[in-house]
Amino acid sequence: MTNHGHIMVTTTHDDEAKARELAAAVVRERLAACAQVYPIESVYWWDGEVQSGKEWRVDFKSRAELGDRLTAFIGEQHSYDTPEIIVVPVVSGGASYLEWIDAETVS
């Protein structure tokens, strides 16, 4: 296992179709090699009270050097006033998978 400077970027959306559209747009732009979309239940503080609701989480796998471009793109495309955009460094991973991420993202 090795690390070549990779990240996982997470966001959420309240609409499955929009989450999938965002995932496809990011991958099409080659800012991430892949995206995973799956349902979650979120509990959060908003407008002065605890709220909850079904959302769709999107996890993007990319190179660390694309982090700023990727987060900016997500922010521009997102419909939330304050979208979740979290960047987590990949500490380690399978060498061939990380090499695949390198090969499938823009230089």
PDB file of N, CA and C in Angstrom:
ATOM      1  N   MET A   1       0.837  -1.178   0.000  1.00  0.00           N
ATOM      2  CA  MET A   1       0.000   0.000   0.000  1.00  0.00           C
ATOM      3  C   MET A   1       0.879   1.237   0.000  1.00  0.00           C
ATOM      4  N   THR A   2       0.379   2.251  -0.688  1.00  0.00           N
ATOM      5  CA  THR A   2       1.161   3.473  -0.815  1.00  0.00           C
ATOM      6  C   THR A   2       0.240   4.675  -0.950  1.00  0.00           C
ATOM      7  N   ASN A   3       0.785   5.864  -0.771  1.00  0.00           N
ATOM      8  CA  ASN A   3       0.011   7.090  -0.931  1.00  0.00           C
ATOM      9  C   ASN A   3       0.744   8.004  -1.898  1.00  0.00           C
ATOM     10  N   HIS A   4       0.027   8.463  -2.900  1.00  0.00           N
ATOM     11  CA  HIS A   4       0.590   9.358  -3.898  1.00  0.00           C
ATOM     12  C   HIS A   4       0.006  10.764  -3.798  1.00  0.00           C
ATOM     13  N   GLY A   5      -0.599  11.121  -2.679  1.00  0.00           N
ATOM     14  CA  GLY A   5      -1.205  12.438  -2.552  1.00  0.00           C
ATOM     15  C   GLY A   5      -2.633  12.447  -3.072  1.00  0.00           C
ATOM     16  N   HIS A   6      -3.481  11.637  -2.475  1.00  0.00           N
ATOM     17  CA  HIS A   6      -4.865  11.507  -2.921  1.00  0.00           C
ATOM     18  C   HIS A   6      -5.830  12.009  -1.859  1.00  0.00           C
ATOM     19  N   ILE A   7      -7.053  12.294  -2.291  1.00  0.00           N
ATOM     20  CA  ILE A   7      -8.092  12.789  -1.395  1.00  0.00           C
ATOM     21  C   ILE A   7      -9.421  12.114  -1.699  1.00  0.00           C
ATOM     22  N   MET A   8     -10.302  12.170  -0.702  1.00  0.00           N
ATOM     23  CA  MET A   8     -11.703  11.840  -0.921  1.00  0.00           C
ATOM     24  C   MET A   8     -12.479  13.099  -0.543  1.00  0.00           C
ATOM     25  N   VAL A   9     -13.325  13.552  -1.439  1.00  0.00           N
ATOM     26  CA  VAL A   9     -14.134  14.747  -1.216  1.00  0.00           C
ATOM     27  C   VAL A   9     -15.589  14.312  -1.104  1.00  0.00           C
ATOM     28  N   THR A  10     -16.254  14.783  -0.061  1.00  0.00           N
ATOM     29  CA  THR A  10     -17.627  14.390   0.212  1.00  0.00           C
ATOM     30  C   THR A  10     -18.545  15.595   0.155  1.00  0.00           C
ATOM     31  N   THR A  11     -19.723  15.386  -0.423  1.00  0.00           N
ATOM     32  CA  THR A  11     -20.792  16.367  -0.369  1.00  0.00           C
ATOM     33  C   THR A  11     -22.106  15.603  -0.226  1.00  0.00           C
ATOM     34  N   THR A  12     -23.174  16.334   0.033  1.00  0.00           N
ATOM     35  CA  THR A  12     -24.502  15.726   0.114  1.00  0.00           C
ATOM     36  C   THR A  12     -25.475  16.534  -0.722  1.00  0.00           C
ATOM     37  N   HIS A  13     -26.581  15.897  -1.079  1.00  0.00           N
ATOM     38  CA  HIS A  13     -27.642  16.568  -1.842  1.00  0.00           C
ATOM     39  C   HIS A  13     -28.980  16.002  -1.397  1.00  0.00           C
ATOM     40  N   ASP A  14     -30.021  16.810  -1.453  1.00  0.00           N
ATOM     41  CA  ASP A  14     -31.341  16.338  -1.027  1.00  0.00           C
ATOM     42  C   ASP A  14     -32.113  15.636  -2.141  1.00  0.00           C
ATOM     43  N   ASP A  15     -31.549  15.588  -3.338  1.00  0.00           N
ATOM     44  CA  ASP A  15     -32.231  15.018  -4.498  1.00  0.00           C
ATOM     45  C   ASP A  15     -31.306  14.008  -5.175  1.00  0.00           C
ATOM     46  N   GLU A  16     -31.774  12.767  -5.319  1.00  0.00           N
ATOM     47  CA  GLU A  16     -30.936  11.715  -5.899  1.00  0.00           C
ATOM     48  C   GLU A  16     -30.501  12.052  -7.321  1.00  0.00           C
ATOM     49  N   ALA A  17     -31.414  12.519  -8.145  1.00  0.00           N
ATOM     50  CA  ALA A  17     -31.070  12.824  -9.539  1.00  0.00           C
ATOM     51  C   ALA A  17     -29.994  13.907  -9.608  1.00  0.00           C
ATOM     52  N   LYS A  18     -30.113  14.946  -8.771  1.00  0.00           N
ATOM     53  CA  LYS A  18     -29.118  16.022  -8.770  1.00  0.00           C
ATOM     54  C   LYS A  18     -27.776  15.524  -8.243  1.00  0.00           C
ATOM     55  N   ALA A  19     -27.800  14.639  -7.260  1.00  0.00           N
ATOM     56  CA  ALA A  19     -26.556  14.061  -6.744  1.00  0.00           C
ATOM     57  C   ALA A  19     -25.859  13.261  -7.841  1.00  0.00           C
ATOM     58  N   ARG A  20     -26.628  12.484  -8.585  1.00  0.00           N
ATOM     59  CA  ARG A  20     -26.053  11.690  -9.670  1.00  0.00           C
ATOM     60  C   ARG A  20     -25.546  12.586 -10.805  1.00  0.00           C
ATOM     61  N   GLU A  21     -26.272  13.660 -11.094  1.00  0.00           N
ATOM     62  CA  GLU A  21     -25.822  14.615 -12.115  1.00  0.00           C
ATOM     63  C   GLU A  21     -24.502  15.259 -11.709  1.00  0.00           C
ATOM     64  N   LEU A  22     -24.395  15.648 -10.447  1.00  0.00           N
ATOM     65  CA  LEU A  22     -23.155  16.239  -9.953  1.00  0.00           C
ATOM     66  C   LEU A  22     -22.011  15.234 -10.050  1.00  0.00           C
ATOM     67  N   ALA A  23     -22.262  14.004  -9.648  1.00  0.00           N
ATOM     68  CA  ALA A  23     -21.236  12.961  -9.730  1.00  0.00           C
ATOM     69  C   ALA A  23     -20.744  12.800 -11.168  1.00  0.00           C
ATOM     70  N   ALA A  24     -21.669  12.717 -12.098  1.00  0.00           N
ATOM     71  CA  ALA A  24     -21.297  12.547 -13.508  1.00  0.00           C
ATOM     72  C   ALA A  24     -20.546  13.764 -14.042  1.00  0.00           C
ATOM     73  N   ALA A  25     -20.968  14.959 -13.657  1.00  0.00           N
ATOM     74  CA  ALA A  25     -20.316  16.182 -14.135  1.00  0.00           C
ATOM     75  C   ALA A  25     -18.869  16.258 -13.654  1.00  0.00           C
ATOM     76  N   VAL A  26     -18.638  15.912 -12.403  1.00  0.00           N
ATOM     77  CA  VAL A  26     -17.276  15.951 -11.859  1.00  0.00           C
ATOM     78  C   VAL A  26     -16.392  14.927 -12.560  1.00  0.00           C
ATOM     79  N   VAL A  27     -16.887  13.712 -12.738  1.00  0.00           N
ATOM     80  CA  VAL A  27     -16.101  12.677 -13.403  1.00  0.00           C
ATOM     81  C   VAL A  27     -15.876  13.053 -14.873  1.00  0.00           C
ATOM     82  N   ARG A  28     -16.892  13.596 -15.525  1.00  0.00           N
ATOM     83  CA  ARG A  28     -16.752  14.026 -16.925  1.00  0.00           C
ATOM     84  C   ARG A  28     -15.666  15.094 -17.060  1.00  0.00           C
ATOM     85  N   GLU A  29     -15.576  15.998 -16.077  1.00  0.00           N
ATOM     86  CA  GLU A  29     -14.549  17.042 -16.088  1.00  0.00           C
ATOM     87  C   GLU A  29     -13.165  16.495 -15.720  1.00  0.00           C
ATOM     88  N   ARG A  30     -13.130  15.213 -15.329  1.00  0.00           N
ATOM     89  CA  ARG A  30     -11.897  14.510 -14.945  1.00  0.00           C
ATOM     90  C   ARG A  30     -11.267  15.116 -13.691  1.00  0.00           C
ATOM     91  N   LEU A  31     -12.127  15.712 -12.827  1.00  0.00           N
ATOM     92  CA  LEU A  31     -11.658  16.225 -11.539  1.00  0.00           C
ATOM     93  C   LEU A  31     -11.643  15.131 -10.483  1.00  0.00           C
ATOM     94  N   ALA A  32     -12.302  14.024 -10.770  1.00  0.00           N
ATOM     95  CA  ALA A  32     -12.271  12.831  -9.928  1.00  0.00           C
ATOM     96  C   ALA A  32     -12.328  11.615 -10.836  1.00  0.00           C
ATOM     97  N   ALA A  33     -11.706  10.537 -10.391  1.00  0.00           N
ATOM     98  CA  ALA A  33     -11.714   9.306 -11.184  1.00  0.00           C
ATOM     99  C   ALA A  33     -13.040   8.577 -11.044  1.00  0.00           C
ATOM    100  N   CYS A  34     -13.680   8.727  -9.886  1.00  0.00           N
ATOM    101  CA  CYS A  34     -14.962   8.073  -9.677  1.00  0.00           C
ATOM    102  C   CYS A  34     -15.735   8.789  -8.581  1.00  0.00           C
ATOM    103  N   ALA A  35     -17.013   8.489  -8.525  1.00  0.00           N
ATOM    104  CA  ALA A  35     -17.888   9.034  -7.488  1.00  0.00           C
ATOM    105  C   ALA A  35     -18.845   7.943  -7.058  1.00  0.00           C
ATOM    106  N   GLN A  36     -19.131   7.920  -5.787  1.00  0.00           N
ATOM    107  CA  GLN A  36     -20.107   6.970  -5.252  1.00  0.00           C
ATOM    108  C   GLN A  36     -21.267   7.766  -4.678  1.00  0.00           C
ATOM    109  N   VAL A  37     -22.485   7.359  -5.023  1.00  0.00           N
ATOM    110  CA  VAL A  37     -23.702   8.040  -4.590  1.00  0.00           C
ATOM    111  C   VAL A  37     -24.533   7.043  -3.792  1.00  0.00           C
ATOM    112  N   TYR A  38     -24.910   7.426  -2.563  1.00  0.00           N
ATOM    113  CA  TYR A  38     -25.714   6.518  -1.755  1.00  0.00           C
ATOM    114  C   TYR A  38     -26.554   7.304  -0.753  1.00  0.00           C
ATOM    115  N   PRO A  39     -27.695   6.717  -0.338  1.00  0.00           N
ATOM    116  CA  PRO A  39     -28.613   7.416   0.575  1.00  0.00           C
ATOM    117  C   PRO A  39     -28.089   7.409   2.005  1.00  0.00           C
ATOM    118  N   ILE A  40     -28.365   8.528   2.696  1.00  0.00           N
ATOM    119  CA  ILE A  40     -28.049   8.642   4.119  1.00  0.00           C
ATOM    120  C   ILE A  40     -29.180   9.398   4.801  1.00  0.00           C
ATOM    121  N   GLU A  41     -29.214   9.358   6.105  1.00  0.00           N
ATOM    122  CA  GLU A  41     -30.130  10.160   6.907  1.00  0.00           C
ATOM    123  C   GLU A  41     -29.286  11.168   7.671  1.00  0.00           C
ATOM    124  N   SER A  42     -29.533  12.455   7.469  1.00  0.00           N
ATOM    125  CA  SER A  42     -28.754  13.495   8.119  1.00  0.00           C
ATOM    126  C   SER A  42     -29.559  14.149   9.237  1.00  0.00           C
ATOM    127  N   VAL A  43     -28.890  14.462  10.337  1.00  0.00           N
ATOM    128  CA  VAL A  43     -29.446  15.228  11.447  1.00  0.00           C
ATOM    129  C   VAL A  43     -28.525  16.421  11.618  1.00  0.00           C
ATOM    130  N   TYR A  44     -29.090  17.638  11.614  1.00  0.00           N
ATOM    131  CA  TYR A  44     -28.254  18.833  11.591  1.00  0.00           C
ATOM    132  C   TYR A  44     -28.984  20.022  12.209  1.00  0.00           C
ATOM    133  N   TRP A  45     -28.204  21.018  12.590  1.00  0.00           N
ATOM    134  CA  TRP A  45     -28.739  22.266  13.119  1.00  0.00           C
ATOM    135  C   TRP A  45     -28.900  23.244  11.963  1.00  0.00           C
ATOM    136  N   TRP A  46     -30.115  23.763  11.763  1.00  0.00           N
ATOM    137  CA  TRP A  46     -30.366  24.705  10.662  1.00  0.00           C
ATOM    138  C   TRP A  46     -31.556  25.562  11.033  1.00  0.00           C
ATOM    139  N   ASP A  47     -31.473  26.844  10.771  1.00  0.00           N
ATOM    140  CA  ASP A  47     -32.553  27.790  11.056  1.00  0.00           C
ATOM    141  C   ASP A  47     -33.001  27.725  12.521  1.00  0.00           C
ATOM    142  N   GLY A  48     -32.034  27.591  13.426  1.00  0.00           N
ATOM    143  CA  GLY A  48     -32.321  27.654  14.844  1.00  0.00           C
ATOM    144  C   GLY A  48     -32.899  26.405  15.473  1.00  0.00           C
ATOM    145  N   GLU A  49     -32.859  25.276  14.758  1.00  0.00           N
ATOM    146  CA  GLU A  49     -33.397  24.056  15.351  1.00  0.00           C
ATOM    147  C   GLU A  49     -32.767  22.816  14.724  1.00  0.00           C
ATOM    148  N   VAL A  50     -32.946  21.700  15.418  1.00  0.00           N
ATOM    149  CA  VAL A  50     -32.475  20.415  14.905  1.00  0.00           C
ATOM    150  C   VAL A  50     -33.432  19.965  13.813  1.00  0.00           C
ATOM    151  N   GLN A  51     -32.852  19.604  12.681  1.00  0.00           N
ATOM    152  CA  GLN A  51     -33.641  19.105  11.559  1.00  0.00           C
ATOM    153  C   GLN A  51     -33.050  17.777  11.098  1.00  0.00           C
ATOM    154  N   SER A  52     -33.818  17.047  10.339  1.00  0.00           N
ATOM    155  CA  SER A  52     -33.308  15.803   9.772  1.00  0.00           C
ATOM    156  C   SER A  52     -33.966  15.572   8.425  1.00  0.00           C
ATOM    157  N   GLY A  53     -33.324  14.769   7.640  1.00  0.00           N
ATOM    158  CA  GLY A  53     -33.896  14.455   6.336  1.00  0.00           C
ATOM    159  C   GLY A  53     -33.026  13.489   5.573  1.00  0.00           C
ATOM    160  N   LYS A  54     -33.628  12.885   4.580  1.00  0.00           N
ATOM    161  CA  LYS A  54     -32.909  11.974   3.697  1.00  0.00           C
ATOM    162  C   LYS A  54     -32.071  12.806   2.738  1.00  0.00           C
ATOM    163  N   GLU A  55     -30.830  12.409   2.583  1.00  0.00           N
ATOM    164  CA  GLU A  55     -29.946  13.049   1.622  1.00  0.00           C
ATOM    165  C   GLU A  55     -29.205  11.967   0.853  1.00  0.00           C
ATOM    166  N   TRP A  56     -28.498  12.405  -0.165  1.00  0.00           N
ATOM    167  CA  TRP A  56     -27.674  11.516  -0.979  1.00  0.00           C
ATOM    168  C   TRP A  56     -26.240  11.974  -0.832  1.00  0.00           C
ATOM    169  N   ARG A  57     -25.392  11.098  -0.326  1.00  0.00           N
ATOM    170  CA  ARG A  57     -23.977  11.410  -0.142  1.00  0.00           C
ATOM    171  C   ARG A  57     -23.233  11.072  -1.419  1.00  0.00           C
ATOM    172  N   VAL A  58     -22.297  11.934  -1.774  1.00  0.00           N
ATOM    173  CA  VAL A  58     -21.457  11.697  -2.941  1.00  0.00           C
ATOM    174  C   VAL A  58     -20.002  11.779  -2.483  1.00  0.00           C
ATOM    175  N   ASP A  59     -19.271  10.693  -2.686  1.00  0.00           N
ATOM    176  CA  ASP A  59     -17.844  10.633  -2.365  1.00  0.00           C
ATOM    177  C   ASP A  59     -17.056  10.597  -3.663  1.00  0.00           C
ATOM    178  N   PHE A  60     -16.133  11.525  -3.799  1.00  0.00           N
ATOM    179  CA  PHE A  60     -15.289  11.619  -4.991  1.00  0.00           C
ATOM    180  C   PHE A  60     -13.869  11.189  -4.635  1.00  0.00           C
ATOM    181  N   LYS A  61     -13.221  10.416  -5.505  1.00  0.00           N
ATOM    182  CA  LYS A  61     -11.824  10.015  -5.323  1.00  0.00           C
ATOM    183  C   LYS A  61     -10.992  10.792  -6.327  1.00  0.00           C
ATOM    184  N   SER A  62      -9.956  11.487  -5.823  1.00  0.00           N
ATOM    185  CA  SER A  62      -9.173  12.344  -6.696  1.00  0.00           C
ATOM    186  C   SER A  62      -7.745  12.491  -6.176  1.00  0.00           C
ATOM    187  N   ARG A  63      -6.981  13.312  -6.890  1.00  0.00           N
ATOM    188  CA  ARG A  63      -5.614  13.651  -6.480  1.00  0.00           C
ATOM    189  C   ARG A  63      -5.656  14.911  -5.626  1.00  0.00           C
ATOM    190  N   ALA A  64      -4.776  14.995  -4.636  1.00  0.00           N
ATOM    191  CA  ALA A  64      -4.749  16.138  -3.723  1.00  0.00           C
ATOM    192  C   ALA A  64      -4.560  17.457  -4.471  1.00  0.00           C
ATOM    193  N   GLU A  65      -3.761  17.455  -5.507  1.00  0.00           N
ATOM    194  CA  GLU A  65      -3.501  18.699  -6.242  1.00  0.00           C
ATOM    195  C   GLU A  65      -4.738  19.238  -6.962  1.00  0.00           C
ATOM    196  N   LEU A  66      -5.765  18.422  -7.120  1.00  0.00           N
ATOM    197  CA  LEU A  66      -7.010  18.876  -7.750  1.00  0.00           C
ATOM    198  C   LEU A  66      -8.048  19.319  -6.717  1.00  0.00           C
ATOM    199  N   GLY A  67      -7.699  19.285  -5.440  1.00  0.00           N
ATOM    200  CA  GLY A  67      -8.657  19.597  -4.380  1.00  0.00           C
ATOM    201  C   GLY A  67      -9.339  20.946  -4.514  1.00  0.00           C
ATOM    202  N   ASP A  68      -8.573  21.997  -4.760  1.00  0.00           N
ATOM    203  CA  ASP A  68      -9.168  23.334  -4.877  1.00  0.00           C
ATOM    204  C   ASP A  68     -10.103  23.427  -6.081  1.00  0.00           C
ATOM    205  N   ARG A  69      -9.686  22.892  -7.213  1.00  0.00           N
ATOM    206  CA  ARG A  69     -10.535  22.922  -8.410  1.00  0.00           C
ATOM    207  C   ARG A  69     -11.803  22.098  -8.205  1.00  0.00           C
ATOM    208  N   LEU A  70     -11.651  20.934  -7.582  1.00  0.00           N
ATOM    209  CA  LEU A  70     -12.793  20.057  -7.347  1.00  0.00           C
ATOM    210  C   LEU A  70     -13.786  20.697  -6.387  1.00  0.00           C
ATOM    211  N   THR A  71     -13.317  21.247  -5.279  1.00  0.00           N
ATOM    212  CA  THR A  71     -14.243  21.855  -4.323  1.00  0.00           C
ATOM    213  C   THR A  71     -14.908  23.095  -4.907  1.00  0.00           C
ATOM    214  N   ALA A  72     -14.185  23.866  -5.704  1.00  0.00           N
ATOM    215  CA  ALA A  72     -14.790  25.034  -6.356  1.00  0.00           C
ATOM    216  C   ALA A  72     -15.879  24.596  -7.331  1.00  0.00           C
ATOM    217  N   PHE A  73     -15.614  23.552  -8.106  1.00  0.00           N
ATOM    218  CA  PHE A  73     -16.591  23.047  -9.078  1.00  0.00           C
ATOM    219  C   PHE A  73     -17.849  22.564  -8.366  1.00  0.00           C
ATOM    220  N   ILE A  74     -17.679  21.804  -7.284  1.00  0.00           N
ATOM    221  CA  ILE A  74     -18.834  21.335  -6.517  1.00  0.00           C
ATOM    222  C   ILE A  74     -19.636  22.517  -6.000  1.00  0.00           C
ATOM    223  N   GLY A  75     -18.966  23.509  -5.436  1.00  0.00           N
ATOM    224  CA  GLY A  75     -19.644  24.691  -4.912  1.00  0.00           C
ATOM    225  C   GLY A  75     -20.425  25.452  -5.969  1.00  0.00           C
ATOM    226  N   GLU A  76     -19.866  25.553  -7.171  1.00  0.00           N
ATOM    227  CA  GLU A  76     -20.538  26.258  -8.273  1.00  0.00           C
ATOM    228  C   GLU A  76     -21.775  25.505  -8.754  1.00  0.00           C
ATOM    229  N   GLN A  77     -21.721  24.181  -8.721  1.00  0.00           N
ATOM    230  CA  GLN A  77     -22.806  23.353  -9.250  1.00  0.00           C
ATOM    231  C   GLN A  77     -23.898  23.064  -8.227  1.00  0.00           C
ATOM    232  N   HIS A  78     -23.608  23.282  -6.951  1.00  0.00           N
ATOM    233  CA  HIS A  78     -24.506  22.855  -5.879  1.00  0.00           C
ATOM    234  C   HIS A  78     -25.653  23.850  -5.678  1.00  0.00           C
ATOM    235  N   SER A  79     -26.823  23.340  -5.285  1.00  0.00           N
ATOM    236  CA  SER A  79     -27.989  24.207  -5.066  1.00  0.00           C
ATOM    237  C   SER A  79     -28.164  24.619  -3.606  1.00  0.00           C
ATOM    238  N   TYR A  80     -27.439  24.007  -2.677  1.00  0.00           N
ATOM    239  CA  TYR A  80     -27.553  24.370  -1.257  1.00  0.00           C
ATOM    240  C   TYR A  80     -26.941  25.750  -1.011  1.00  0.00           C
ATOM    241  N   ASP A  81     -27.498  26.477  -0.038  1.00  0.00           N
ATOM    242  CA  ASP A  81     -26.894  27.738   0.395  1.00  0.00           C
ATOM    243  C   ASP A  81     -25.516  27.493   0.990  1.00  0.00           C
ATOM    244  N   THR A  82     -25.422  26.451   1.787  1.00  0.00           N
ATOM    245  CA  THR A  82     -24.170  26.092   2.456  1.00  0.00           C
ATOM    246  C   THR A  82     -23.928  24.595   2.257  1.00  0.00           C
ATOM    247  N   PRO A  83     -23.408  24.217   1.095  1.00  0.00           N
ATOM    248  CA  PRO A  83     -23.215  22.783   0.850  1.00  0.00           C
ATOM    249  C   PRO A  83     -22.079  22.211   1.686  1.00  0.00           C
ATOM    250  N   GLU A  84     -22.254  20.975   2.096  1.00  0.00           N
ATOM    251  CA  GLU A  84     -21.152  20.251   2.728  1.00  0.00           C
ATOM    252  C   GLU A  84     -20.136  19.934   1.649  1.00  0.00           C
ATOM    253  N   ILE A  85     -18.907  20.380   1.870  1.00  0.00           N
ATOM    254  CA  ILE A  85     -17.794  19.992   1.006  1.00  0.00           C
ATOM    255  C   ILE A  85     -16.629  19.723   1.946  1.00  0.00           C
ATOM    256  N   ILE A  86     -16.347  18.454   2.159  1.00  0.00           N
ATOM    257  CA  ILE A  86     -15.309  18.023   3.086  1.00  0.00           C
ATOM    258  C   ILE A  86     -14.224  17.290   2.301  1.00  0.00           C
ATOM    259  N   VAL A  87     -12.975  17.664   2.539  1.00  0.00           N
ATOM    260  CA  VAL A  87     -11.843  17.021   1.883  1.00  0.00           C
ATOM    261  C   VAL A  87     -11.068  16.233   2.943  1.00  0.00           C
ATOM    262  N   VAL A  88     -10.875  14.948   2.675  1.00  0.00           N
ATOM    263  CA  VAL A  88     -10.163  14.067   3.595  1.00  0.00           C
ATOM    264  C   VAL A  88      -8.964  13.478   2.859  1.00  0.00           C
ATOM    265  N   PRO A  89      -7.766  13.576   3.444  1.00  0.00           N
ATOM    266  CA  PRO A  89      -6.608  12.975   2.780  1.00  0.00           C
ATOM    267  C   PRO A  89      -6.679  11.459   2.838  1.00  0.00           C
ATOM    268  N   VAL A  90      -6.217  10.822   1.790  1.00  0.00           N
ATOM    269  CA  VAL A  90      -6.089   9.364   1.767  1.00  0.00           C
ATOM    270  C   VAL A  90      -4.713   9.055   2.344  1.00  0.00           C
ATOM    271  N   VAL A  91      -4.691   8.390   3.452  1.00  0.00           N
ATOM    272  CA  VAL A  91      -3.441   8.083   4.133  1.00  0.00           C
ATOM    273  C   VAL A  91      -2.700   6.963   3.419  1.00  0.00           C
ATOM    274  N   SER A  92      -3.452   5.994   2.939  1.00  0.00           N
ATOM    275  CA  SER A  92      -2.854   4.859   2.268  1.00  0.00           C
ATOM    276  C   SER A  92      -3.911   4.190   1.414  1.00  0.00           C
ATOM    277  N   GLY A  93      -3.470   3.375   0.472  1.00  0.00           N
ATOM    278  CA  GLY A  93      -4.407   2.658  -0.382  1.00  0.00           C
ATOM    279  C   GLY A  93      -3.654   1.704  -1.291  1.00  0.00           C
ATOM    280  N   GLY A  94      -4.397   0.893  -1.993  1.00  0.00           N
ATOM    281  CA  GLY A  94      -3.787  -0.032  -2.936  1.00  0.00           C
ATOM    282  C   GLY A  94      -3.075   0.726  -4.048  1.00  0.00           C
ATOM    283  N   ALA A  95      -1.847   0.358  -4.314  1.00  0.00           N
ATOM    284  CA  ALA A  95      -1.037   1.072  -5.302  1.00  0.00           C
ATOM    285  C   ALA A  95      -1.704   1.130  -6.670  1.00  0.00           C
ATOM    286  N   SER A  96      -2.261   0.023  -7.131  1.00  0.00           N
ATOM    287  CA  SER A  96      -2.870   0.015  -8.467  1.00  0.00           C
ATOM    288  C   SER A  96      -4.121   0.898  -8.507  1.00  0.00           C
ATOM    289  N   TYR A  97      -4.897   0.956  -7.413  1.00  0.00           N
ATOM    290  CA  TYR A  97      -6.080   1.817  -7.379  1.00  0.00           C
ATOM    291  C   TYR A  97      -5.670   3.287  -7.406  1.00  0.00           C
ATOM    292  N   LEU A  98      -4.678   3.644  -6.615  1.00  0.00           N
ATOM    293  CA  LEU A  98      -4.222   5.035  -6.594  1.00  0.00           C
ATOM    294  C   LEU A  98      -3.607   5.438  -7.930  1.00  0.00           C
ATOM    295  N   GLU A  99      -2.909   4.531  -8.573  1.00  0.00           N
ATOM    296  CA  GLU A  99      -2.375   4.807  -9.911  1.00  0.00           C
ATOM    297  C   GLU A  99      -3.504   5.003 -10.910  1.00  0.00           C
ATOM    298  N   TRP A 100      -4.590   4.248 -10.753  1.00  0.00           N
ATOM    299  CA  TRP A 100      -5.745   4.414 -11.628  1.00  0.00           C
ATOM    300  C   TRP A 100      -6.358   5.814 -11.447  1.00  0.00           C
ATOM    301  N   ILE A 101      -6.457   6.264 -10.202  1.00  0.00           N
ATOM    302  CA  ILE A 101      -6.959   7.625  -9.949  1.00  0.00           C
ATOM    303  C   ILE A 101      -6.080   8.627 -10.672  1.00  0.00           C
ATOM    304  N   ASP A 102      -4.754   8.477 -10.563  1.00  0.00           N
ATOM    305  CA  ASP A 102      -3.834   9.389 -11.255  1.00  0.00           C
ATOM    306  C   ASP A 102      -4.079   9.410 -12.761  1.00  0.00           C
ATOM    307  N   ALA A 103      -4.274   8.221 -13.320  1.00  0.00           N
ATOM    308  CA  ALA A 103      -4.424   8.110 -14.776  1.00  0.00           C
ATOM    309  C   ALA A 103      -5.747   8.669 -15.270  1.00  0.00           C
ATOM    310  N   GLU A 104      -6.793   8.661 -14.436  1.00  0.00           N
ATOM    311  CA  GLU A 104      -8.125   9.047 -14.888  1.00  0.00           C
ATOM    312  C   GLU A 104      -8.529  10.463 -14.513  1.00  0.00           C
ATOM    313  N   THR A 105      -7.603  11.234 -13.955  1.00  0.00           N
ATOM    314  CA  THR A 105      -7.905  12.628 -13.622  1.00  0.00           C
ATOM    315  C   THR A 105      -7.006  13.550 -14.447  1.00  0.00           C
ATOM    316  N   VAL A 106      -7.439  14.813 -14.579  1.00  0.00           N
ATOM    317  CA  VAL A 106      -6.705  15.774 -15.394  1.00  0.00           C
ATOM    318  C   VAL A 106      -5.338  16.077 -14.792  1.00  0.00           C
ATOM    319  N   SER A 107      -4.416  16.434 -15.647  1.00  0.00           N
ATOM    320  CA  SER A 107      -3.071  16.795 -15.176  1.00  0.00           C
ATOM    321  C   SER A 107      -2.977  18.254 -14.881  1.00  0.00           C
TER     322      SER A 107
END
